[in-house]
N, C-alpha and C. Protein backbone atom coordinates (compact mmCIF):
# COMPACT_ATOMS: atom_id res chain seq x y z
N UNK A 1 -15.51 -27.44 45.61
CA UNK A 1 -14.74 -27.26 44.39
C UNK A 1 -14.86 -25.82 43.91
N UNK A 2 -13.76 -25.25 43.50
CA UNK A 2 -13.81 -23.89 42.98
C UNK A 2 -14.14 -23.92 41.50
N UNK A 3 -14.74 -22.85 41.00
CA UNK A 3 -15.09 -22.76 39.60
C UNK A 3 -13.92 -22.26 38.77
N UNK A 4 -14.16 -22.15 37.47
CA UNK A 4 -13.14 -21.63 36.57
C UNK A 4 -12.83 -20.18 36.91
N UNK A 5 -11.57 -19.81 36.83
CA UNK A 5 -11.17 -18.42 37.00
C UNK A 5 -11.36 -17.65 35.71
N UNK A 6 -11.31 -18.35 34.59
CA UNK A 6 -11.47 -17.71 33.29
C UNK A 6 -12.92 -17.83 32.86
N UNK A 7 -13.62 -16.71 32.91
CA UNK A 7 -15.05 -16.66 32.58
C UNK A 7 -15.30 -15.48 31.66
N UNK A 8 -16.43 -15.49 30.93
CA UNK A 8 -16.76 -14.34 30.08
C UNK A 8 -16.88 -13.07 30.92
N UNK A 9 -16.40 -11.96 30.38
CA UNK A 9 -16.37 -10.72 31.16
C UNK A 9 -17.32 -9.64 30.64
N UNK A 10 -17.70 -9.70 29.38
CA UNK A 10 -18.51 -8.63 28.82
C UNK A 10 -17.67 -7.46 28.32
N UNK A 11 -16.35 -7.53 28.53
CA UNK A 11 -15.45 -6.49 28.03
C UNK A 11 -15.54 -6.44 26.51
N UNK A 12 -15.39 -5.26 25.93
CA UNK A 12 -15.46 -5.05 24.49
C UNK A 12 -14.18 -5.58 23.81
N UNK A 13 -14.33 -6.54 22.88
CA UNK A 13 -13.18 -7.16 22.23
C UNK A 13 -12.37 -6.16 21.42
N UNK A 14 -12.98 -5.37 20.51
CA UNK A 14 -12.17 -4.40 19.76
C UNK A 14 -11.46 -3.39 20.67
N UNK A 15 -12.10 -2.98 21.75
CA UNK A 15 -11.47 -2.04 22.69
C UNK A 15 -10.25 -2.70 23.34
N UNK A 16 -10.37 -3.98 23.72
CA UNK A 16 -9.23 -4.70 24.28
C UNK A 16 -8.09 -4.77 23.27
N UNK A 17 -8.40 -5.18 22.04
CA UNK A 17 -7.36 -5.34 21.03
C UNK A 17 -6.68 -4.00 20.71
N UNK A 18 -7.42 -2.90 20.81
CA UNK A 18 -6.84 -1.58 20.54
C UNK A 18 -5.76 -1.20 21.55
N UNK A 19 -5.75 -1.86 22.71
CA UNK A 19 -4.76 -1.54 23.74
C UNK A 19 -3.47 -2.34 23.59
N UNK A 20 -3.45 -3.31 22.69
CA UNK A 20 -2.30 -4.21 22.57
C UNK A 20 -1.11 -3.48 21.96
N UNK A 21 0.03 -3.63 22.59
CA UNK A 21 1.30 -3.10 22.09
C UNK A 21 2.30 -4.24 22.02
N UNK A 22 3.21 -4.21 21.09
CA UNK A 22 3.41 -3.22 20.04
C UNK A 22 2.37 -3.35 18.93
N UNK A 23 2.41 -2.43 17.97
CA UNK A 23 1.43 -2.40 16.88
C UNK A 23 1.40 -3.71 16.10
N UNK A 24 2.55 -4.35 15.91
CA UNK A 24 2.60 -5.63 15.18
C UNK A 24 1.75 -6.69 15.88
N UNK A 25 1.82 -6.73 17.20
CA UNK A 25 1.04 -7.71 17.98
C UNK A 25 -0.44 -7.36 17.87
N UNK A 26 -0.77 -6.08 17.92
CA UNK A 26 -2.16 -5.64 17.77
C UNK A 26 -2.70 -6.04 16.39
N UNK A 27 -1.90 -5.81 15.34
CA UNK A 27 -2.32 -6.18 13.98
C UNK A 27 -2.54 -7.68 13.86
N UNK A 28 -1.66 -8.47 14.48
CA UNK A 28 -1.85 -9.93 14.48
C UNK A 28 -3.12 -10.30 15.23
N UNK A 29 -3.41 -9.62 16.33
CA UNK A 29 -4.65 -9.87 17.09
C UNK A 29 -5.88 -9.57 16.26
N UNK A 30 -5.85 -8.49 15.52
CA UNK A 30 -6.99 -8.15 14.65
C UNK A 30 -7.14 -9.16 13.52
N UNK A 31 -6.04 -9.64 12.99
CA UNK A 31 -6.10 -10.67 11.95
C UNK A 31 -6.68 -11.97 12.52
N UNK A 32 -6.29 -12.32 13.74
CA UNK A 32 -6.84 -13.52 14.37
C UNK A 32 -8.33 -13.36 14.67
N UNK A 33 -8.73 -12.16 15.08
CA UNK A 33 -10.15 -11.90 15.33
C UNK A 33 -10.96 -12.19 14.07
N UNK A 34 -10.47 -11.72 12.94
CA UNK A 34 -11.14 -11.97 11.66
C UNK A 34 -11.12 -13.45 11.31
N UNK A 35 -9.97 -14.09 11.44
CA UNK A 35 -9.83 -15.51 11.10
C UNK A 35 -10.75 -16.39 11.95
N UNK A 36 -10.69 -16.23 13.26
CA UNK A 36 -11.51 -17.06 14.16
C UNK A 36 -13.00 -16.81 13.92
N UNK A 37 -13.38 -15.55 13.72
CA UNK A 37 -14.78 -15.24 13.47
C UNK A 37 -15.28 -15.91 12.20
N UNK A 38 -14.47 -15.85 11.16
CA UNK A 38 -14.85 -16.44 9.87
C UNK A 38 -14.90 -17.96 9.96
N UNK A 39 -13.91 -18.56 10.60
CA UNK A 39 -13.84 -20.03 10.67
C UNK A 39 -14.91 -20.61 11.58
N UNK A 40 -15.15 -19.97 12.73
CA UNK A 40 -16.09 -20.54 13.70
C UNK A 40 -17.53 -20.12 13.46
N UNK A 41 -17.73 -18.93 12.92
CA UNK A 41 -19.08 -18.38 12.78
C UNK A 41 -19.62 -17.84 14.09
N UNK A 42 -18.80 -17.82 15.14
CA UNK A 42 -19.22 -17.35 16.46
C UNK A 42 -18.77 -15.91 16.68
N UNK A 43 -19.51 -15.21 17.53
CA UNK A 43 -19.15 -13.87 17.95
C UNK A 43 -18.02 -13.95 18.96
N UNK A 44 -17.06 -13.04 18.85
CA UNK A 44 -15.95 -12.99 19.81
C UNK A 44 -16.43 -12.46 21.15
N UNK A 45 -15.94 -13.08 22.22
CA UNK A 45 -16.24 -12.62 23.58
C UNK A 45 -14.95 -12.67 24.39
N UNK A 46 -14.82 -11.73 25.30
CA UNK A 46 -13.66 -11.73 26.19
C UNK A 46 -13.88 -12.76 27.30
N UNK A 47 -12.87 -13.57 27.55
CA UNK A 47 -12.84 -14.52 28.64
C UNK A 47 -11.67 -14.11 29.52
N UNK A 48 -11.98 -13.71 30.75
CA UNK A 48 -10.94 -13.18 31.61
C UNK A 48 -10.45 -11.87 31.01
N UNK A 49 -9.33 -11.37 31.50
CA UNK A 49 -8.87 -10.06 31.06
C UNK A 49 -8.17 -10.04 29.70
N UNK A 50 -7.79 -11.24 29.16
CA UNK A 50 -6.94 -11.17 27.97
C UNK A 50 -7.15 -12.26 26.93
N UNK A 51 -8.20 -13.07 27.05
CA UNK A 51 -8.45 -14.13 26.07
C UNK A 51 -9.70 -13.78 25.25
N UNK A 52 -9.54 -13.83 23.93
CA UNK A 52 -10.66 -13.62 23.01
C UNK A 52 -11.17 -15.01 22.65
N UNK A 53 -12.39 -15.33 23.08
CA UNK A 53 -12.95 -16.66 22.89
C UNK A 53 -14.07 -16.68 21.87
N UNK A 54 -14.27 -17.86 21.29
CA UNK A 54 -15.31 -18.08 20.29
C UNK A 54 -16.04 -19.36 20.66
N UNK A 55 -17.35 -19.25 20.88
CA UNK A 55 -18.15 -20.39 21.29
C UNK A 55 -17.80 -20.81 22.70
N UNK A 56 -18.57 -21.77 23.18
CA UNK A 56 -18.32 -22.31 24.52
C UNK A 56 -18.80 -23.74 24.56
N UNK A 57 -18.38 -24.46 25.59
CA UNK A 57 -18.86 -25.81 25.80
C UNK A 57 -19.01 -26.05 27.29
N UNK A 58 -19.91 -26.97 27.62
CA UNK A 58 -20.12 -27.36 29.01
C UNK A 58 -19.49 -28.74 29.18
N UNK A 59 -18.65 -28.89 30.18
CA UNK A 59 -17.97 -30.17 30.40
C UNK A 59 -18.38 -30.78 31.74
N UNK A 60 -18.23 -32.08 31.81
CA UNK A 60 -18.41 -32.83 33.06
C UNK A 60 -17.33 -33.90 33.08
N UNK A 61 -16.37 -33.75 34.00
CA UNK A 61 -15.30 -34.73 34.13
C UNK A 61 -15.76 -35.93 34.95
N UNK A 62 -15.03 -37.03 34.86
CA UNK A 62 -15.35 -38.22 35.65
C UNK A 62 -15.31 -37.92 37.14
N UNK A 63 -14.51 -36.93 37.55
CA UNK A 63 -14.41 -36.55 38.96
C UNK A 63 -15.69 -35.89 39.46
N UNK A 64 -16.57 -35.49 38.51
CA UNK A 64 -17.80 -34.80 38.88
C UNK A 64 -17.71 -33.30 38.65
N UNK A 65 -16.51 -32.79 38.46
CA UNK A 65 -16.35 -31.34 38.20
C UNK A 65 -17.03 -30.98 36.89
N UNK A 66 -17.77 -29.87 36.91
CA UNK A 66 -18.44 -29.38 35.71
C UNK A 66 -18.11 -27.91 35.52
N UNK A 67 -18.34 -27.43 34.34
CA UNK A 67 -18.12 -26.02 34.08
C UNK A 67 -18.33 -25.69 32.62
N UNK A 68 -18.13 -24.43 32.31
CA UNK A 68 -18.22 -23.94 30.95
C UNK A 68 -16.89 -23.28 30.60
N UNK A 69 -16.49 -23.41 29.34
CA UNK A 69 -15.24 -22.80 28.91
C UNK A 69 -15.32 -22.44 27.44
N UNK A 70 -14.43 -21.55 27.01
CA UNK A 70 -14.42 -21.16 25.61
C UNK A 70 -14.08 -22.36 24.73
N UNK A 71 -14.67 -22.42 23.56
CA UNK A 71 -14.42 -23.54 22.66
C UNK A 71 -13.09 -23.39 21.94
N UNK A 72 -12.75 -22.18 21.55
CA UNK A 72 -11.47 -21.89 20.92
C UNK A 72 -11.22 -20.40 21.04
N UNK A 73 -10.01 -19.97 20.82
CA UNK A 73 -9.73 -18.56 20.91
C UNK A 73 -8.24 -18.27 20.90
N UNK A 74 -7.91 -17.04 21.28
CA UNK A 74 -6.52 -16.61 21.26
C UNK A 74 -6.30 -15.49 22.27
N UNK A 75 -5.03 -15.25 22.55
CA UNK A 75 -4.64 -14.12 23.38
C UNK A 75 -3.37 -13.52 22.80
N UNK A 76 -3.40 -12.22 22.48
CA UNK A 76 -2.20 -11.57 21.97
C UNK A 76 -1.31 -11.11 23.13
N UNK A 77 -0.61 -12.05 23.73
CA UNK A 77 0.21 -11.76 24.90
C UNK A 77 1.51 -11.07 24.49
N UNK A 78 2.16 -10.46 25.45
CA UNK A 78 3.39 -9.71 25.18
C UNK A 78 4.46 -10.59 24.56
N UNK A 79 4.66 -11.79 25.09
CA UNK A 79 5.74 -12.66 24.62
C UNK A 79 5.41 -13.36 23.30
N UNK A 80 4.12 -13.66 23.07
CA UNK A 80 3.73 -14.40 21.87
C UNK A 80 2.21 -14.39 21.73
N UNK A 81 1.75 -14.94 20.63
CA UNK A 81 0.32 -15.16 20.42
C UNK A 81 0.00 -16.54 20.97
N UNK A 82 -1.00 -16.64 21.83
CA UNK A 82 -1.42 -17.93 22.36
C UNK A 82 -2.72 -18.31 21.67
N UNK A 83 -2.73 -19.50 21.07
CA UNK A 83 -3.90 -20.01 20.36
C UNK A 83 -4.44 -21.19 21.18
N UNK A 84 -5.74 -21.15 21.50
CA UNK A 84 -6.35 -22.17 22.34
C UNK A 84 -7.19 -23.12 21.50
N UNK A 85 -6.79 -24.38 21.48
CA UNK A 85 -7.55 -25.46 20.84
C UNK A 85 -7.86 -26.45 21.96
N UNK A 86 -9.11 -26.50 22.41
CA UNK A 86 -9.44 -27.16 23.66
C UNK A 86 -9.25 -28.68 23.70
N UNK A 87 -9.38 -29.42 22.59
CA UNK A 87 -9.07 -30.85 22.73
C UNK A 87 -7.59 -31.10 22.97
N UNK A 88 -6.76 -30.08 22.84
CA UNK A 88 -5.32 -30.25 22.95
C UNK A 88 -4.73 -30.56 21.59
N UNK A 89 -3.43 -30.73 21.55
CA UNK A 89 -2.75 -30.89 20.27
C UNK A 89 -2.19 -32.28 20.05
N UNK A 90 -2.48 -33.21 20.95
CA UNK A 90 -1.84 -34.52 20.90
C UNK A 90 -2.08 -35.28 19.60
N UNK A 91 -3.21 -35.09 18.96
CA UNK A 91 -3.53 -35.86 17.76
C UNK A 91 -3.41 -35.04 16.48
N UNK A 92 -2.76 -33.90 16.54
CA UNK A 92 -2.72 -33.00 15.40
C UNK A 92 -1.34 -32.86 14.78
N UNK A 93 -0.47 -33.83 14.98
CA UNK A 93 0.90 -33.70 14.48
C UNK A 93 0.95 -33.53 12.97
N UNK A 94 0.04 -34.17 12.23
CA UNK A 94 0.04 -34.02 10.77
C UNK A 94 -0.25 -32.58 10.36
N UNK A 95 -1.11 -31.89 11.09
CA UNK A 95 -1.40 -30.49 10.81
C UNK A 95 -0.26 -29.61 11.31
N UNK A 96 0.19 -29.85 12.52
CA UNK A 96 1.24 -29.03 13.11
C UNK A 96 2.54 -29.09 12.32
N UNK A 97 2.82 -30.23 11.69
CA UNK A 97 4.02 -30.37 10.87
C UNK A 97 4.01 -29.41 9.69
N UNK A 98 2.81 -28.98 9.27
CA UNK A 98 2.67 -28.08 8.13
C UNK A 98 2.44 -26.63 8.53
N UNK A 99 2.30 -26.37 9.84
CA UNK A 99 1.91 -25.05 10.32
C UNK A 99 3.00 -23.99 10.16
N UNK A 100 4.20 -24.32 10.51
CA UNK A 100 5.28 -23.34 10.55
C UNK A 100 5.83 -23.24 11.96
N UNK A 101 6.55 -22.18 12.23
CA UNK A 101 7.26 -22.01 13.51
C UNK A 101 6.27 -21.81 14.66
N UNK A 102 6.35 -22.71 15.66
CA UNK A 102 5.46 -22.64 16.82
C UNK A 102 6.05 -23.44 17.97
N UNK A 103 5.49 -23.25 19.16
CA UNK A 103 5.77 -24.06 20.34
C UNK A 103 4.42 -24.51 20.88
N UNK A 104 4.43 -25.59 21.67
CA UNK A 104 3.16 -26.13 22.16
C UNK A 104 3.13 -26.29 23.67
N UNK A 105 1.90 -26.12 24.20
CA UNK A 105 1.56 -26.50 25.55
C UNK A 105 0.46 -27.55 25.42
N UNK A 106 -0.23 -27.88 26.50
CA UNK A 106 -1.26 -28.92 26.45
C UNK A 106 -2.43 -28.52 25.55
N UNK A 107 -3.02 -27.38 25.79
CA UNK A 107 -4.14 -26.90 24.96
C UNK A 107 -3.84 -25.53 24.38
N UNK A 108 -2.56 -25.18 24.33
CA UNK A 108 -2.17 -23.85 23.88
C UNK A 108 -1.01 -23.96 22.89
N UNK A 109 -1.14 -23.20 21.83
CA UNK A 109 -0.11 -23.13 20.80
C UNK A 109 0.49 -21.73 20.88
N UNK A 110 1.80 -21.64 20.87
CA UNK A 110 2.47 -20.35 20.98
C UNK A 110 3.13 -20.00 19.64
N UNK A 111 2.81 -18.81 19.14
CA UNK A 111 3.35 -18.33 17.87
C UNK A 111 3.94 -16.95 18.13
N UNK A 112 5.15 -16.72 17.65
CA UNK A 112 5.76 -15.39 17.83
C UNK A 112 5.05 -14.33 17.01
N UNK A 113 4.76 -14.64 15.75
CA UNK A 113 4.04 -13.71 14.88
C UNK A 113 3.35 -14.52 13.78
N UNK A 114 2.23 -14.00 13.28
CA UNK A 114 1.47 -14.73 12.27
C UNK A 114 2.27 -14.97 11.00
N UNK A 115 3.22 -14.11 10.71
CA UNK A 115 4.06 -14.30 9.52
C UNK A 115 4.86 -15.60 9.60
N UNK A 116 5.00 -16.18 10.79
CA UNK A 116 5.75 -17.42 10.97
C UNK A 116 4.95 -18.67 10.60
N UNK A 117 3.65 -18.54 10.38
CA UNK A 117 2.81 -19.71 10.15
C UNK A 117 2.02 -19.61 8.85
N UNK A 118 1.58 -20.76 8.38
CA UNK A 118 0.72 -20.84 7.20
C UNK A 118 -0.72 -20.63 7.69
N UNK A 119 -1.35 -19.55 7.25
CA UNK A 119 -2.68 -19.20 7.74
C UNK A 119 -3.74 -20.23 7.32
N UNK A 120 -3.59 -20.85 6.17
CA UNK A 120 -4.55 -21.88 5.76
C UNK A 120 -4.46 -23.10 6.67
N UNK A 121 -3.26 -23.44 7.09
CA UNK A 121 -3.08 -24.56 8.01
C UNK A 121 -3.62 -24.20 9.39
N UNK A 122 -3.42 -22.95 9.83
CA UNK A 122 -3.99 -22.51 11.12
C UNK A 122 -5.51 -22.60 11.06
N UNK A 123 -6.10 -22.19 9.96
CA UNK A 123 -7.55 -22.31 9.78
C UNK A 123 -7.99 -23.77 9.88
N UNK A 124 -7.26 -24.66 9.25
CA UNK A 124 -7.56 -26.10 9.32
C UNK A 124 -7.47 -26.60 10.76
N UNK A 125 -6.48 -26.14 11.50
CA UNK A 125 -6.31 -26.54 12.89
C UNK A 125 -7.48 -26.08 13.76
N UNK A 126 -7.90 -24.84 13.58
CA UNK A 126 -9.04 -24.31 14.34
C UNK A 126 -10.30 -25.12 14.03
N UNK A 127 -10.56 -25.35 12.77
CA UNK A 127 -11.75 -26.09 12.35
C UNK A 127 -11.72 -27.54 12.89
N UNK A 128 -10.56 -28.18 12.81
CA UNK A 128 -10.43 -29.56 13.30
C UNK A 128 -10.60 -29.62 14.81
N UNK A 129 -10.02 -28.66 15.53
CA UNK A 129 -10.17 -28.63 16.99
C UNK A 129 -11.61 -28.46 17.41
N UNK A 130 -12.35 -27.58 16.73
CA UNK A 130 -13.78 -27.39 17.04
C UNK A 130 -14.57 -28.66 16.76
N UNK A 131 -14.28 -29.29 15.64
CA UNK A 131 -14.99 -30.53 15.29
C UNK A 131 -14.76 -31.60 16.35
N UNK A 132 -13.50 -31.77 16.76
CA UNK A 132 -13.18 -32.80 17.74
C UNK A 132 -13.75 -32.48 19.12
N UNK A 133 -13.73 -31.21 19.51
CA UNK A 133 -14.34 -30.81 20.78
C UNK A 133 -15.84 -31.07 20.75
N UNK A 134 -16.48 -30.72 19.65
CA UNK A 134 -17.93 -30.90 19.52
C UNK A 134 -18.32 -32.38 19.58
N UNK A 135 -17.44 -33.26 19.17
CA UNK A 135 -17.70 -34.70 19.24
C UNK A 135 -17.73 -35.19 20.69
N UNK A 136 -17.01 -34.49 21.58
CA UNK A 136 -16.98 -34.88 22.99
C UNK A 136 -18.00 -34.11 23.81
N UNK A 137 -17.99 -32.78 23.65
CA UNK A 137 -18.93 -31.89 24.35
C UNK A 137 -19.47 -30.91 23.33
N UNK A 138 -20.78 -30.81 23.20
CA UNK A 138 -21.37 -29.91 22.19
C UNK A 138 -20.87 -28.47 22.34
N UNK A 139 -20.46 -27.91 21.22
CA UNK A 139 -20.02 -26.52 21.17
C UNK A 139 -21.22 -25.64 20.87
N UNK A 140 -21.39 -24.60 21.68
CA UNK A 140 -22.53 -23.70 21.56
C UNK A 140 -22.05 -22.30 21.17
N UNK A 141 -22.93 -21.56 20.51
CA UNK A 141 -22.60 -20.21 20.08
C UNK A 141 -22.55 -19.23 21.24
N UNK A 142 -23.21 -19.48 22.31
CA UNK A 142 -23.26 -18.65 23.52
C UNK A 142 -24.61 -18.11 23.73
C-alpha cells in the first residue's frame, strides 16, 4: 500500500502565502490563516506544496490502511479557495445553507472569495468539523 502523497513539508507558511497571486487571493489566504489559527488553536503547517493545515489525526480504515492527515485547513488555489473539513460535508447542510456562495466536493468546500461567505458561519463550520473529526479520530496539535 502506498502512503499519503500529501504530507507535512516544513515549508514556511507566511512565505508560501506571500507568493499567492493575485493580491486579492493572497489577502483571503492571510485572512484564512488568521481565522483557522484562532478557531483551532493550532499552528499552521504546510501539507504538500499548497495546503495550509491545522492539527492532524491518525486514521485506521477497516481495510487496514493507516496514515496521518491534516485535521482542517485551506489552499488559496488559482481558481478558488479550497477549505478542507475532513469529516466531509454530508451532515452540515444546516450550516452550509447559511454560509453563502460556495460549491462542494467530498471533503472540500470551494469559495471564489471570502466576501461571498459569512465568516461567522465559516468559523462555525470549521469548529463543527474539528469536533466531529475528533469524535472519530483524536485530533492532535502536531
